[in-house]
PDB file of N, CA and C in Angstrom:
ATOM      1  N   LEU A   1      39.937 -53.879   5.043  1.00  0.00           N
ATOM      2  CA  LEU A   1      39.412 -54.457   3.831  1.00  0.00           C
ATOM      3  C   LEU A   1      39.516 -56.216   3.800  1.00  0.00           C
ATOM      4  N   LEU A   2      39.741 -56.656   4.794  1.00  0.00           N
ATOM      5  CA  LEU A   2      38.974 -58.261   5.067  1.00  0.00           C
ATOM      6  C   LEU A   2      37.742 -57.649   5.321  1.00  0.00           C
ATOM      7  N   ALA A   3      37.695 -57.207   5.941  1.00  0.00           N
ATOM      8  CA  ALA A   3      35.923 -57.255   6.693  1.00  0.00           C
ATOM      9  C   ALA A   3      35.356 -56.846   5.365  1.00  0.00           C
ATOM     10  N   ASP A   4      35.411 -56.508   4.682  1.00  0.00           N
ATOM     11  CA  ASP A   4      34.765 -56.212   3.476  1.00  0.00           C
ATOM     12  C   ASP A   4      34.246 -56.943   2.315  1.00  0.00           C
ATOM     13  N   ILE A   5      35.430 -58.172   2.236  1.00  0.00           N
ATOM     14  CA  ILE A   5      35.147 -59.840   2.124  1.00  0.00           C
ATOM     15  C   ILE A   5      34.416 -60.475   1.981  1.00  0.00           C
ATOM     16  N   THR A   6      33.048 -60.642   1.622  1.00  0.00           N
ATOM     17  CA  THR A   6      32.243 -61.584   1.906  1.00  0.00           C
ATOM     18  C   THR A   6      32.230 -62.911   1.476  1.00  0.00           C
ATOM     19  N   ASP A   7      33.184 -63.197   0.082  1.00  0.00           N
ATOM     20  CA  ASP A   7      33.346 -64.415  -0.312  1.00  0.00           C
ATOM     21  C   ASP A   7      34.955 -64.587  -1.285  1.00  0.00           C
ATOM     22  N   TYR A   8      35.269 -66.000  -0.838  1.00  0.00           N
ATOM     23  CA  TYR A   8      37.005 -65.913  -1.616  1.00  0.00           C
ATOM     24  C   TYR A   8      37.307 -67.636  -1.417  1.00  0.00           C
ATOM     25  N   GLN A   9      37.924 -67.434  -2.665  1.00  0.00           N
ATOM     26  CA  GLN A   9      38.496 -68.317  -2.168  1.00  0.00           C
ATOM     27  C   GLN A   9      40.013 -68.182  -3.461  1.00  0.00           C
ATOM     28  N   LEU A  10      41.049 -68.907  -2.643  1.00  0.00           N
ATOM     29  CA  LEU A  10      42.233 -68.812  -3.503  1.00  0.00           C
ATOM     30  C   LEU A  10      43.020 -70.263  -3.510  1.00  0.00           C
ATOM     31  N   THR A  11      43.435 -70.654  -4.937  1.00  0.00           N
ATOM     32  CA  THR A  11      43.046 -71.976  -5.681  1.00  0.00           C
ATOM     33  C   THR A  11      44.703 -72.029  -6.232  1.00  0.00           C
ATOM     34  N   ILE A  12      45.778 -72.564  -5.988  1.00  0.00           N
ATOM     35  CA  ILE A  12      46.798 -73.105  -6.794  1.00  0.00           C
ATOM     36  C   ILE A  12      47.159 -74.590  -7.038  1.00  0.00           C
ATOM     37  N   PHE A  13      47.215 -74.498  -8.448  1.00  0.00           N
ATOM     38  CA  PHE A  13      47.784 -75.479  -9.330  1.00  0.00           C
ATOM     39  C   PHE A  13      49.006 -75.374 -10.063  1.00  0.00           C
ATOM     40  N   THR A  14      49.523 -76.876 -10.358  1.00  0.00           N
ATOM     41  CA  THR A  14      50.574 -76.769 -11.018  1.00  0.00           C
ATOM     42  C   THR A  14      50.238 -76.617 -12.248  1.00  0.00           C
ATOM     43  N   ARG A  15      51.320 -76.275 -12.854  1.00  0.00           N
ATOM     44  CA  ARG A  15      51.356 -75.675 -14.639  1.00  0.00           C
ATOM     45  C   ARG A  15      50.589 -77.029 -15.228  1.00  0.00           C
ATOM     46  N   TRP A  16      50.638 -78.367 -14.401  1.00  0.00           N
ATOM     47  CA  TRP A  16      49.592 -79.513 -16.292  1.00  0.00           C
ATOM     48  C   TRP A  16      48.351 -79.522 -15.045  1.00  0.00           C
ATOM     49  N   GLY A  17      47.564 -78.583 -14.376  1.00  0.00           N
ATOM     50  CA  GLY A  17      46.167 -78.317 -14.049  1.00  0.00           C
ATOM     51  C   GLY A  17      45.924 -79.269 -12.871  1.00  0.00           C
ATOM     52  N   SER A  18      46.980 -79.947 -12.131  1.00  0.00           N
ATOM     53  CA  SER A  18      46.285 -80.232 -10.028  1.00  0.00           C
ATOM     54  C   SER A  18      46.651 -79.805  -9.181  1.00  0.00           C
ATOM     55  N   ARG A  19      45.889 -79.028  -8.689  1.00  0.00           N
ATOM     56  CA  ARG A  19      45.454 -78.458  -7.116  1.00  0.00           C
ATOM     57  C   ARG A  19      45.775 -79.101  -6.655  1.00  0.00           C
ATOM     58  N   VAL A  20      46.777 -77.680  -5.803  1.00  0.00           N
ATOM     59  CA  VAL A  20      47.882 -77.792  -4.781  1.00  0.00           C
ATOM     60  C   VAL A  20      46.966 -77.121  -3.610  1.00  0.00           C
ATOM     61  N   PHE A  21      46.738 -76.635  -3.663  1.00  0.00           N
ATOM     62  CA  PHE A  21      45.847 -75.459  -2.569  1.00  0.00           C
ATOM     63  C   PHE A  21      45.170 -74.624  -2.416  1.00  0.00           C
ATOM     64  N   THR A  22      44.372 -74.632  -1.370  1.00  0.00           N
ATOM     65  CA  THR A  22      42.596 -74.063  -1.803  1.00  0.00           C
ATOM     66  C   THR A  22      42.432 -73.542  -0.236  1.00  0.00           C
ATOM     67  N   SER A  23      42.260 -72.073  -0.643  1.00  0.00           N
ATOM     68  CA  SER A  23      41.850 -71.331   0.744  1.00  0.00           C
ATOM     69  C   SER A  23      40.942 -70.463   0.591  1.00  0.00           C
ATOM     70  N   ASN A  24      40.485 -70.740   1.693  1.00  0.00           N
ATOM     71  CA  ASN A  24      38.343 -69.865   1.539  1.00  0.00           C
ATOM     72  C   ASN A  24      38.559 -68.788   2.836  1.00  0.00           C
ATOM     73  N   ASN A  25      39.701 -68.888   2.902  1.00  0.00           N
ATOM     74  CA  ASN A  25      39.757 -67.301   3.850  1.00  0.00           C
ATOM     75  C   ASN A  25      41.379 -66.894   3.768  1.00  0.00           C
ATOM     76  N   PRO A  26      40.591 -65.420   4.039  1.00  0.00           N
ATOM     77  CA  PRO A  26      41.749 -64.236   2.984  1.00  0.00           C
ATOM     78  C   PRO A  26      43.266 -64.449   3.513  1.00  0.00           C
ATOM     79  N   SER A  27      42.612 -64.649   5.075  1.00  0.00           N
ATOM     80  CA  SER A  27      44.125 -64.217   6.068  1.00  0.00           C
ATOM     81  C   SER A  27      45.179 -65.760   5.933  1.00  0.00           C
ATOM     82  N   ILE A  28      44.456 -66.810   5.319  1.00  0.00           N
ATOM     83  CA  ILE A  28      45.319 -67.578   5.361  1.00  0.00           C
ATOM     84  C   ILE A  28      45.711 -67.679   3.742  1.00  0.00           C
ATOM     85  N   GLY A  29      46.914 -67.176   2.870  1.00  0.00           N
ATOM     86  CA  GLY A  29      47.880 -68.410   2.049  1.00  0.00           C
ATOM     87  C   GLY A  29      48.775 -68.956   2.027  1.00  0.00           C
ATOM     88  N   TRP A  30      49.305 -69.255   0.857  1.00  0.00           N
ATOM     89  CA  TRP A  30      49.922 -70.594   0.117  1.00  0.00           C
ATOM     90  C   TRP A  30      51.412 -70.492   0.791  1.00  0.00           C
ATOM     91  N   ASP A  31      52.268 -70.951   1.218  1.00  0.00           N
ATOM     92  CA  ASP A  31      53.495 -70.899   1.759  1.00  0.00           C
ATOM     93  C   ASP A  31      54.233 -71.907   1.479  1.00  0.00           C
ATOM     94  N   GLY A  32      53.828 -72.522   0.038  1.00  0.00           N
ATOM     95  CA  GLY A  32      54.581 -73.397  -1.569  1.00  0.00           C
ATOM     96  C   GLY A  32      54.672 -74.994  -0.724  1.00  0.00           C
ATOM     97  N   GLY A  33      53.473 -75.511  -0.133  1.00  0.00           N
ATOM     98  CA  GLY A  33      52.788 -76.864   0.506  1.00  0.00           C
ATOM     99  C   GLY A  33      51.835 -76.998  -0.333  1.00  0.00           C
ATOM    100  N   GLY A  34      51.782 -78.617  -0.009  1.00  0.00           N
ATOM    101  CA  GLY A  34      49.789 -79.057  -0.387  1.00  0.00           C
ATOM    102  C   GLY A  34      49.451 -78.653   0.584  1.00  0.00           C
ATOM    103  N   GLN A  35      48.152 -78.982   0.600  1.00  0.00           N
ATOM    104  CA  GLN A  35      47.105 -79.354   1.471  1.00  0.00           C
ATOM    105  C   GLN A  35      47.586 -80.423   2.251  1.00  0.00           C
ATOM    106  N   SER A  36      48.434 -81.602   2.207  1.00  0.00           N
ATOM    107  CA  SER A  36      48.965 -81.871   3.541  1.00  0.00           C
ATOM    108  C   SER A  36      49.709 -82.052   3.791  1.00  0.00           C
ATOM    109  N   SER A  37      50.706 -80.432   3.450  1.00  0.00           N
ATOM    110  CA  SER A  37      51.774 -79.555   4.444  1.00  0.00           C
ATOM    111  C   SER A  37      53.260 -80.271   3.703  1.00  0.00           C
ATOM    112  N   ASN A  38      52.695 -80.984   3.093  1.00  0.00           N
ATOM    113  CA  ASN A  38      54.461 -81.675   1.449  1.00  0.00           C
ATOM    114  C   ASN A  38      54.591 -80.196   1.211  1.00  0.00           C
ATOM    115  N   ARG A  39      55.608 -80.004   0.752  1.00  0.00           N
ATOM    116  CA  ARG A  39      56.405 -79.295  -0.050  1.00  0.00           C
ATOM    117  C   ARG A  39      56.545 -79.403  -1.228  1.00  0.00           C
ATOM    118  N   GLU A  40      56.312 -78.816  -2.174  1.00  0.00           N
ATOM    119  CA  GLU A  40      55.976 -78.560  -3.284  1.00  0.00           C
ATOM    120  C   GLU A  40      57.315 -78.505  -3.726  1.00  0.00           C
ATOM    121  N   ASN A  41      57.728 -78.924  -5.374  1.00  0.00           N
ATOM    122  CA  ASN A  41      58.795 -78.511  -5.366  1.00  0.00           C
ATOM    123  C   ASN A  41      59.271 -77.351  -6.342  1.00  0.00           C
ATOM    124  N   SER A  42      60.091 -76.925  -6.851  1.00  0.00           N
ATOM    125  CA  SER A  42      60.397 -75.519  -7.285  1.00  0.00           C
ATOM    126  C   SER A  42      59.975 -75.814  -8.630  1.00  0.00           C
ATOM    127  N   GLY A  43      59.086 -74.728  -9.586  1.00  0.00           N
ATOM    128  CA  GLY A  43      58.882 -74.440 -10.653  1.00  0.00           C
ATOM    129  C   GLY A  43      57.486 -73.316 -10.928  1.00  0.00           C
ATOM    130  N   VAL A  44      57.044 -73.710 -11.798  1.00  0.00           N
ATOM    131  CA  VAL A  44      55.946 -72.142 -12.571  1.00  0.00           C
ATOM    132  C   VAL A  44      53.954 -72.879 -11.680  1.00  0.00           C
ATOM    133  N   TYR A  45      53.529 -72.535 -10.629  1.00  0.00           N
ATOM    134  CA  TYR A  45      52.507 -72.990 -10.335  1.00  0.00           C
ATOM    135  C   TYR A  45      51.043 -71.433 -10.477  1.00  0.00           C
ATOM    136  N   ILE A  46      50.244 -72.171 -11.228  1.00  0.00           N
ATOM    137  CA  ILE A  46      48.799 -71.156 -11.175  1.00  0.00           C
ATOM    138  C   ILE A  46      48.258 -71.150 -10.215  1.00  0.00           C
ATOM    139  N   TYR A  47      48.126 -69.307  -9.864  1.00  0.00           N
ATOM    140  CA  TYR A  47      46.625 -69.124  -8.716  1.00  0.00           C
ATOM    141  C   TYR A  47      45.658 -68.521  -9.678  1.00  0.00           C
ATOM    142  N   THR A  48      44.523 -68.911  -9.000  1.00  0.00           N
ATOM    143  CA  THR A  48      43.422 -68.073  -9.440  1.00  0.00           C
ATOM    144  C   THR A  48      43.135 -67.716  -7.804  1.00  0.00           C
ATOM    145  N   ILE A  49      42.129 -66.267  -7.506  1.00  0.00           N
ATOM    146  CA  ILE A  49      41.009 -65.974  -6.663  1.00  0.00           C
ATOM    147  C   ILE A  49      40.309 -65.263  -7.011  1.00  0.00           C
ATOM    148  N   GLN A  50      39.441 -65.619  -6.728  1.00  0.00           N
ATOM    149  CA  GLN A  50      37.907 -65.117  -6.696  1.00  0.00           C
ATOM    150  C   GLN A  50      37.115 -64.370  -5.085  1.00  0.00           C
ATOM    151  N   ALA A  51      37.286 -63.344  -5.564  1.00  0.00           N
ATOM    152  CA  ALA A  51      36.087 -63.125  -4.060  1.00  0.00           C
ATOM    153  C   ALA A  51      34.938 -61.970  -5.009  1.00  0.00           C
ATOM    154  N   LYS A  52      34.167 -61.619  -3.963  1.00  0.00           N
ATOM    155  CA  LYS A  52      32.815 -60.836  -3.609  1.00  0.00           C
ATOM    156  C   LYS A  52      33.404 -60.238  -2.597  1.00  0.00           C
ATOM    157  N   VAL A  53      33.215 -58.469  -3.269  1.00  0.00           N
ATOM    158  CA  VAL A  53      33.961 -57.066  -1.941  1.00  0.00           C
ATOM    159  C   VAL A  53      32.923 -56.631  -2.041  1.00  0.00           C
ATOM    160  N   LYS A  54      32.190 -55.739  -0.958  1.00  0.00           N
ATOM    161  CA  LYS A  54      31.463 -55.076  -0.261  1.00  0.00           C
ATOM    162  C   LYS A  54      31.963 -53.948   0.215  1.00  0.00           C
ATOM    163  N   ALA A  55      31.618 -52.867  -0.910  1.00  0.00           N
ATOM    164  CA  ALA A  55      32.224 -51.385  -1.204  1.00  0.00           C
ATOM    165  C   ALA A  55      31.423 -50.517  -1.459  1.00  0.00           C
ATOM    166  N   CYS A  56      30.639 -49.497  -0.409  1.00  0.00           N
ATOM    167  CA  CYS A  56      30.309 -48.424  -1.091  1.00  0.00           C
ATOM    168  C   CYS A  56      28.639 -48.750  -1.893  1.00  0.00           C
ATOM    169  N   GLY A  57      28.295 -49.902  -0.819  1.00  0.00           N
ATOM    170  CA  GLY A  57      26.656 -50.242  -0.282  1.00  0.00           C
ATOM    171  C   GLY A  57      26.572 -51.736  -1.716  1.00  0.00           C
ATOM    172  N   ARG A  58      27.489 -52.052  -2.791  1.00  0.00           N
ATOM    173  CA  ARG A  58      27.688 -52.817  -4.007  1.00  0.00           C
ATOM    174  C   ARG A  58      27.913 -53.430  -3.319  1.00  0.00           C
ATOM    175  N   ILE A  59      27.656 -54.718  -4.091  1.00  0.00           N
ATOM    176  CA  ILE A  59      29.169 -55.975  -4.049  1.00  0.00           C
ATOM    177  C   ILE A  59      30.283 -56.249  -5.690  1.00  0.00           C
ATOM    178  N   PHE A  60      30.760 -55.902  -5.860  1.00  0.00           N
ATOM    179  CA  PHE A  60      31.739 -56.319  -6.702  1.00  0.00           C
ATOM    180  C   PHE A  60      32.142 -57.664  -6.489  1.00  0.00           C
ATOM    181  N   ASP A  61      32.365 -58.273  -7.921  1.00  0.00           N
ATOM    182  CA  ASP A  61      33.130 -60.072  -8.029  1.00  0.00           C
ATOM    183  C   ASP A  61      34.174 -59.456  -8.730  1.00  0.00           C
ATOM    184  N   LEU A  62      35.182 -60.270  -7.672  1.00  0.00           N
ATOM    185  CA  LEU A  62      36.655 -60.429  -8.152  1.00  0.00           C
ATOM    186  C   LEU A  62      37.294 -61.172  -9.120  1.00  0.00           C
ATOM    187  N   GLN A  63      37.927 -60.946 -10.131  1.00  0.00           N
ATOM    188  CA  GLN A  63      38.262 -63.001 -10.134  1.00  0.00           C
ATOM    189  C   GLN A  63      39.948 -62.218 -10.767  1.00  0.00           C
ATOM    190  N   GLU A  64      41.595 -63.366 -10.644  1.00  0.00           N
ATOM    191  CA  GLU A  64      42.510 -62.482 -10.748  1.00  0.00           C
ATOM    192  C   GLU A  64      43.359 -63.904 -10.792  1.00  0.00           C
ATOM    193  N   THR A  65      43.159 -63.925 -12.098  1.00  0.00           N
ATOM    194  CA  THR A  65      44.589 -65.437 -12.039  1.00  0.00           C
ATOM    195  C   THR A  65      45.812 -65.000 -13.003  1.00  0.00           C
ATOM    196  N   GLY A  66      47.015 -65.875 -12.526  1.00  0.00           N
ATOM    197  CA  GLY A  66      48.341 -65.390 -12.516  1.00  0.00           C
ATOM    198  C   GLY A  66      49.345 -66.616 -12.344  1.00  0.00           C
ATOM    199  N   ASP A  67      51.057 -66.286 -12.593  1.00  0.00           N
ATOM    200  CA  ASP A  67      51.590 -67.314 -12.221  1.00  0.00           C
ATOM    201  C   ASP A  67      52.571 -66.671 -11.065  1.00  0.00           C
ATOM    202  N   ILE A  68      53.117 -67.799 -10.686  1.00  0.00           N
ATOM    203  CA  ILE A  68      54.074 -68.111  -9.461  1.00  0.00           C
ATOM    204  C   ILE A  68      55.300 -68.638  -9.897  1.00  0.00           C
ATOM    205  N   THR A  69      56.297 -68.122  -9.655  1.00  0.00           N
ATOM    206  CA  THR A  69      57.466 -69.061  -9.615  1.00  0.00           C
ATOM    207  C   THR A  69      58.184 -69.521  -8.540  1.00  0.00           C
ATOM    208  N   LEU A  70      57.764 -70.562  -7.749  1.00  0.00           N
ATOM    209  CA  LEU A  70      58.537 -71.395  -6.586  1.00  0.00           C
ATOM    210  C   LEU A  70      59.790 -71.955  -6.714  1.00  0.00           C
ATOM    211  N   LEU A  71      61.062 -70.976  -6.293  1.00  0.00           N
ATOM    212  CA  LEU A  71      62.143 -71.378  -5.778  1.00  0.00           C
ATOM    213  C   LEU A  71      62.226 -72.084  -4.891  1.00  0.00           C
ATOM    214  N   ARG A  72      63.099 -73.094  -4.295  1.00  0.00           N
ATOM    215  CA  ARG A  72      63.626 -73.269  -2.870  1.00  0.00           C
ATOM    216  C   ARG A  72      65.008 -73.351  -2.728  1.00  0.00           C
TER     217      ARG A  72
END
């Protein structure tokens, strides 16, 4: 399925809206750290995933938003 993704962006925000992580590679996920590899504190974080997926000869725009509770 990863070969069918033509465009991808994962972004993690604090609940106050500060961006802590971004990835344009679907194989690289968030490990609870920030862009500078500092570990984030426990709490609620918001994620957004935007992707374009090619399937059945068509391109679909996908968008997902949700929250993650990080426990340390």
